């Protein structure tokens, strides 16, 4: 394999982990091969192990370690307090922001930002519009197949970087309802913060006990862990500038290391997701997302 030119990113932590566990995780990321690290609470504003100031402190520590840091905003804004927090996030000018929804784009007022994966940029016209409003990078939709992705990257305006998620459970849908609270027959506003007991979300299975989906608060996730590590060189050739790893309780650092090997032309070792979670890459090949197909040489 020839060396490839791409940066490695780590997306925002989607799960509710204990405070010290989270701090320790980011300390490990500071020593990893990741170039770009996204931080911030993107799923539930009620989570309180780390507050906004704590995320900023982590961001500063990571920047001091030589990482490029991006602050990620919420994807679903439901209350006035959340809208105010988003506006405050977009008003700070110490770090670039990843816009999870279009309200953030408006608040940023033309300043540089990253368009997150749920902005739904499916064609060149959308990319042109985002770039005109300050986007310097966009994250491709998670369910996009490789051929469509290649066409989209060819249509992007000059100077707009492309980021593609290659490892981790995929957030597929969002709801005002908290699925984790409902699972435990609790009200959303009196949930007991049960999601902290499930560091990779909760599994949903069919009556035949087959993996179906995962739930993580207001998110519906893929049951399996996306694994496009073997496709990293192909993605780089298509024009992906950044390849993203989404944090899981196990395998995250190994996935980063695998991408670092692929970047210098080596063959990355297989990376196991957390116990009980399978692997998938079907979307990339235009198949059912839950499928796992071998990379074509």
Protein backbone atom coordinates (compact mmCIF):
# COMPACT_ATOMS: atom_id res chain seq x y z
CA UNK A 1 0.00 0.00 0.00
CA UNK A 2 1.20 3.49 -0.83
CA UNK A 3 1.25 6.22 1.83
CA UNK A 4 -1.96 8.26 1.86
CA UNK A 5 -2.59 11.86 2.78
CA UNK A 6 -5.39 12.24 5.32
CA UNK A 7 -5.87 13.46 8.85
CA UNK A 8 -7.34 11.38 11.66
CA UNK A 9 -10.16 12.79 13.76
CA UNK A 10 -12.06 11.64 16.82
CA UNK A 11 -15.72 12.66 16.86
CA UNK A 12 -17.59 13.88 19.93
CA UNK A 13 -18.30 11.39 22.71
CA UNK A 14 -21.91 10.28 22.22
CA UNK A 15 -22.26 8.38 25.50
CA UNK A 16 -22.58 9.37 29.15
CA UNK A 17 -19.43 8.21 30.88
CA UNK A 18 -18.36 8.96 34.47
CA UNK A 19 -16.35 12.14 34.85
CA UNK A 20 -12.97 10.56 35.62
CA UNK A 21 -13.40 7.96 32.90
CA UNK A 22 -14.03 10.74 30.39
CA UNK A 23 -11.06 12.80 31.53
CA UNK A 24 -8.79 9.75 31.39
CA UNK A 25 -10.05 8.91 27.89
CA UNK A 26 -9.17 12.35 26.55
CA UNK A 27 -5.78 12.19 28.25
CA UNK A 28 -5.14 9.04 26.22
CA UNK A 29 -6.34 10.75 23.05
CA UNK A 30 -3.82 13.52 23.69
CA UNK A 31 -1.06 10.91 23.32
CA UNK A 32 -2.62 9.23 20.26
CA UNK A 33 -2.03 9.77 16.54
CA UNK A 34 -5.32 11.68 16.19
CA UNK A 35 -4.89 15.11 14.59
CA UNK A 36 -8.36 16.57 15.24
CA UNK A 37 -10.51 16.00 18.32
CA UNK A 38 -14.14 17.06 18.72
CA UNK A 39 -15.40 17.68 22.25
CA UNK A 40 -18.72 18.60 23.84
CA UNK A 41 -22.08 17.14 24.81
CA UNK A 42 -24.13 16.56 21.67
CA UNK A 43 -26.88 14.23 22.86
CA UNK A 44 -28.52 15.29 26.14
CA UNK A 45 -28.31 18.61 28.00
CA UNK A 46 -29.27 16.90 31.28
CA UNK A 47 -25.98 15.02 31.44
CA UNK A 48 -23.90 16.74 34.07
CA UNK A 49 -20.70 14.76 34.73
CA UNK A 50 -18.97 17.43 32.64
CA UNK A 51 -20.35 20.95 32.29
CA UNK A 52 -19.65 23.42 29.50
CA UNK A 53 -16.64 24.87 31.31
CA UNK A 54 -15.22 21.37 31.83
CA UNK A 55 -15.41 20.68 28.11
CA UNK A 56 -13.60 23.96 27.46
CA UNK A 57 -10.87 22.99 29.91
CA UNK A 58 -10.47 19.66 28.12
CA UNK A 59 -10.31 21.48 24.79
CA UNK A 60 -7.53 23.74 26.04
CA UNK A 61 -5.57 20.77 27.41
CA UNK A 62 -5.86 18.95 24.08
CA UNK A 63 -4.79 22.03 22.16
CA UNK A 64 -1.78 22.38 24.45
CA UNK A 65 -0.92 18.78 23.53
CA UNK A 66 -0.80 19.80 19.86
CA UNK A 67 -4.27 18.71 18.75
CA UNK A 68 -6.68 20.70 16.62
CA UNK A 69 -9.84 20.95 18.72
CA UNK A 70 -13.41 21.53 17.55
CA UNK A 71 -16.39 22.17 19.86
CA UNK A 72 -19.44 20.14 18.84
CA UNK A 73 -22.96 21.48 19.22
CA UNK A 74 -26.23 19.62 19.79
CA UNK A 75 -28.06 18.04 16.88
CA UNK A 76 -31.54 18.44 18.39
CA UNK A 77 -32.46 21.67 20.23
CA UNK A 78 -35.63 21.28 22.30
CA UNK A 79 -35.71 23.97 25.01
CA UNK A 80 -34.95 27.64 25.44
CA UNK A 81 -32.05 26.76 27.73
CA UNK A 82 -30.54 24.55 25.03
CA UNK A 83 -30.99 27.29 22.43
CA UNK A 84 -29.22 29.74 24.75
CA UNK A 85 -26.36 27.27 25.34
CA UNK A 86 -25.97 26.81 21.59
CA UNK A 87 -25.87 30.55 21.01
CA UNK A 88 -23.21 30.90 23.72
CA UNK A 89 -21.16 28.09 22.17
CA UNK A 90 -21.27 29.78 18.77
CA UNK A 91 -20.38 33.18 20.27
CA UNK A 92 -17.02 32.00 21.66
CA UNK A 93 -14.11 32.48 19.27
CA UNK A 94 -11.44 30.36 20.95
CA UNK A 95 -12.29 27.17 19.02
CA UNK A 96 -13.99 26.27 15.76
CA UNK A 97 -17.50 24.84 16.10
CA UNK A 98 -19.05 21.74 14.54
CA UNK A 99 -22.61 22.72 13.64
CA UNK A 100 -25.00 19.89 14.41
CA UNK A 101 -28.01 21.72 12.95
CA UNK A 102 -28.74 24.83 10.90
CA UNK A 103 -29.49 27.07 13.89
CA UNK A 104 -25.80 26.90 14.75
CA UNK A 105 -24.91 27.99 11.21
CA UNK A 106 -27.09 31.09 11.68
CA UNK A 107 -25.58 31.90 15.08
CA UNK A 108 -22.05 31.61 13.69
CA UNK A 109 -22.76 34.49 11.32
CA UNK A 110 -20.30 33.57 8.60
CA UNK A 111 -17.40 32.47 10.82
CA UNK A 112 -15.55 29.28 9.89
CA UNK A 113 -17.21 26.04 11.03
CA UNK A 114 -17.47 22.31 10.38
CA UNK A 115 -20.81 21.06 9.05
CA UNK A 116 -21.68 17.94 11.04
CA UNK A 117 -22.92 14.65 9.57
CA UNK A 118 -26.59 15.38 10.30
CA UNK A 119 -26.70 18.65 8.34
CA UNK A 120 -27.63 16.33 5.43
CA UNK A 121 -25.31 17.49 2.65
CA UNK A 122 -26.18 15.17 -0.21
CA UNK A 123 -25.25 17.19 -3.29
CA UNK A 124 -22.89 19.85 -4.55
CA UNK A 125 -25.43 22.66 -4.30
CA UNK A 126 -25.75 22.11 -0.55
CA UNK A 127 -21.97 22.11 -0.20
CA UNK A 128 -21.77 25.37 -2.14
CA UNK A 129 -24.37 26.91 0.19
CA UNK A 130 -22.58 25.71 3.33
CA UNK A 131 -19.24 27.01 2.07
CA UNK A 132 -20.82 30.40 1.34
CA UNK A 133 -21.86 30.56 5.01
CA UNK A 134 -18.39 29.76 6.33
CA UNK A 135 -18.06 25.97 6.27
CA UNK A 136 -14.45 24.89 5.81
CA UNK A 137 -15.15 21.17 6.23
CA UNK A 138 -18.21 18.94 6.09
CA UNK A 139 -18.81 15.45 7.46
CA UNK A 140 -20.41 13.18 4.88
CA UNK A 141 -23.80 11.60 5.69
CA UNK A 142 -23.18 8.31 7.45
CA UNK A 143 -25.35 6.15 5.19
CA UNK A 144 -23.82 7.35 1.90
CA UNK A 145 -22.41 4.66 -0.39
CA UNK A 146 -18.93 4.91 -1.83
CA UNK A 147 -19.95 5.71 -5.43
CA UNK A 148 -22.29 8.51 -4.35
CA UNK A 149 -19.64 9.81 -1.97
CA UNK A 150 -17.12 9.94 -4.81
CA UNK A 151 -19.50 12.02 -6.93
CA UNK A 152 -20.26 14.33 -3.99
CA UNK A 153 -16.56 14.94 -3.33
CA UNK A 154 -16.05 15.77 -7.00
CA UNK A 155 -18.84 18.38 -6.78
CA UNK A 156 -17.61 20.20 -3.68
CA UNK A 157 -16.37 23.77 -4.01
CA UNK A 158 -12.62 24.47 -3.86
CA UNK A 159 -11.22 24.71 -0.36
CA UNK A 160 -13.99 22.70 1.36
CA UNK A 161 -12.52 19.69 3.14
CA UNK A 162 -14.39 16.40 3.39
CA UNK A 163 -14.51 14.23 6.52
CA UNK A 164 -15.80 10.65 6.53
CA UNK A 165 -16.63 8.52 9.56
CA UNK A 166 -14.91 5.14 9.35
CA UNK A 167 -15.30 3.50 12.77
CA UNK A 168 -17.86 3.46 15.59
CA UNK A 169 -21.59 3.06 16.08
CA UNK A 170 -23.55 5.33 13.75
CA UNK A 171 -26.22 7.74 15.02
CA UNK A 172 -29.03 7.16 12.52
CA UNK A 173 -31.99 9.10 13.92
CA UNK A 174 -33.00 11.47 16.72
CA UNK A 175 -36.19 12.02 18.68
CA UNK A 176 -37.53 14.37 21.34
CA UNK A 177 -38.31 11.20 23.28
CA UNK A 178 -35.54 9.58 25.34
CA UNK A 179 -35.44 5.94 24.32
CA UNK A 180 -33.24 4.94 27.25
CA UNK A 181 -35.68 6.40 29.79
CA UNK A 182 -38.61 4.72 28.04
CA UNK A 183 -36.80 1.38 28.09
CA UNK A 184 -36.67 1.61 31.88
CA UNK A 185 -40.27 2.93 32.06
CA UNK A 186 -39.08 6.30 33.34
CA UNK A 187 -40.00 9.84 32.38
CA UNK A 188 -37.46 11.75 30.34
CA UNK A 189 -37.10 14.46 33.02
CA UNK A 190 -36.80 11.88 35.79
CA UNK A 191 -34.62 9.30 34.07
CA UNK A 192 -32.17 8.64 36.89
CA UNK A 193 -29.40 9.13 34.31
CA UNK A 194 -29.59 5.42 33.52
CA UNK A 195 -27.56 5.86 30.32
CA UNK A 196 -24.41 6.13 32.45
CA UNK A 197 -24.81 2.38 33.06
CA UNK A 198 -24.47 1.67 29.33
CA UNK A 199 -21.16 3.02 27.99
CA UNK A 200 -21.93 1.98 24.41
CA UNK A 201 -25.69 2.38 24.45
CA UNK A 202 -28.36 -0.29 24.78
CA UNK A 203 -28.80 -3.10 22.26
CA UNK A 204 -32.10 -3.74 20.55
CA UNK A 205 -32.62 -7.21 19.11
CA UNK A 206 -35.28 -8.91 17.04
CA UNK A 207 -37.39 -11.77 18.38
CA UNK A 208 -34.87 -14.03 16.70
CA UNK A 209 -32.16 -12.38 18.88
CA UNK A 210 -30.46 -10.76 15.90
CA UNK A 211 -28.79 -7.37 16.28
CA UNK A 212 -31.18 -4.69 15.06
CA UNK A 213 -30.44 -1.21 16.46
CA UNK A 214 -28.88 0.52 19.44
CA UNK A 215 -30.40 3.25 21.62
CA UNK A 216 -28.51 6.03 23.34
CA UNK A 217 -30.78 8.59 24.97
CA UNK A 218 -32.54 10.43 22.12
CA UNK A 219 -30.44 8.65 19.50
CA UNK A 220 -31.19 5.55 17.50
CA UNK A 221 -27.86 4.02 16.53
CA UNK A 222 -26.64 1.21 14.34
CA UNK A 223 -26.53 -2.09 16.18
CA UNK A 224 -23.08 -2.82 14.81
CA UNK A 225 -19.91 -0.76 14.75
CA UNK A 226 -19.12 0.79 11.38
CA UNK A 227 -15.74 -0.47 10.21
CA UNK A 228 -14.22 1.16 7.13
CA UNK A 229 -10.64 0.99 8.37
CA UNK A 230 -9.64 -1.29 5.50
CA UNK A 231 -11.20 1.19 3.06
CA UNK A 232 -9.11 4.12 4.36
CA UNK A 233 -6.74 4.21 1.34
CA UNK A 234 -9.69 4.08 -1.06
CA UNK A 235 -11.45 6.91 0.78
CA UNK A 236 -8.28 8.99 0.62
CA UNK A 237 -8.06 8.40 -3.13
CA UNK A 238 -11.69 9.52 -3.49
CA UNK A 239 -10.68 12.80 -1.89
CA UNK A 240 -11.52 12.42 1.81
CA UNK A 241 -9.27 14.79 3.76
CA UNK A 242 -10.17 13.56 7.26
CA UNK A 243 -11.21 10.11 8.50
CA UNK A 244 -13.25 10.05 11.71
CA UNK A 245 -13.35 7.57 14.58
CA UNK A 246 -16.40 7.80 16.86
CA UNK A 247 -15.58 6.91 20.48
CA UNK A 248 -16.61 3.58 21.96
CA UNK A 249 -15.70 2.11 25.35
CA UNK A 250 -13.16 -0.22 23.71
CA UNK A 251 -11.28 -0.21 20.42
CA UNK A 252 -11.14 3.56 19.88
CA UNK A 253 -7.41 3.96 20.40
CA UNK A 254 -6.75 0.84 18.35
CA UNK A 255 -8.84 2.24 15.48
CA UNK A 256 -6.80 5.45 15.56
CA UNK A 257 -3.59 3.43 15.51
CA UNK A 258 -4.89 1.37 12.57
CA UNK A 259 -5.54 4.54 10.57
CA UNK A 260 -2.06 5.78 11.42
CA UNK A 261 -0.65 2.55 9.97
CA UNK A 262 -2.76 2.90 6.82
CA UNK A 263 -1.64 6.50 6.41
CA UNK A 264 1.99 5.50 6.04
CA UNK A 265 1.21 2.67 3.62
CA UNK A 266 0.95 -0.23 6.04
CA UNK A 267 -1.83 -2.78 6.40
CA UNK A 268 -3.86 -2.01 9.52
CA UNK A 269 -4.71 -4.81 11.93
CA UNK A 270 -8.35 -5.68 12.54
CA UNK A 271 -9.91 -3.79 15.45
CA UNK A 272 -12.49 -5.43 17.69
CA UNK A 273 -15.46 -3.31 18.83
CA UNK A 274 -16.67 -3.55 22.43
CA UNK A 275 -17.76 -7.05 23.49
CA UNK A 276 -21.17 -7.97 22.12
CA UNK A 277 -21.13 -5.44 19.27
CA UNK A 278 -20.60 -6.61 15.71
CA UNK A 279 -19.06 -4.84 12.71
CA UNK A 280 -20.72 -3.48 9.58
CA UNK A 281 -19.97 -1.58 6.38
CA UNK A 282 -22.97 -2.36 4.17
CA UNK A 283 -23.93 1.25 3.46
CA UNK A 284 -20.58 1.91 1.82
CA UNK A 285 -21.26 -0.86 -0.71
CA UNK A 286 -24.87 0.18 -1.32
CA UNK A 287 -26.23 -2.72 0.74
CA UNK A 288 -28.14 -2.96 4.00
CA UNK A 289 -26.16 -1.00 6.55
CA UNK A 290 -25.95 -3.89 8.99
CA UNK A 291 -24.07 -6.10 6.51
CA UNK A 292 -20.31 -6.68 6.62
CA UNK A 293 -18.61 -7.11 3.25
CA UNK A 294 -14.97 -7.70 2.47
CA UNK A 295 -12.97 -4.83 1.05
CA UNK A 296 -12.30 -5.16 -2.67
CA UNK A 297 -8.57 -5.10 -3.41
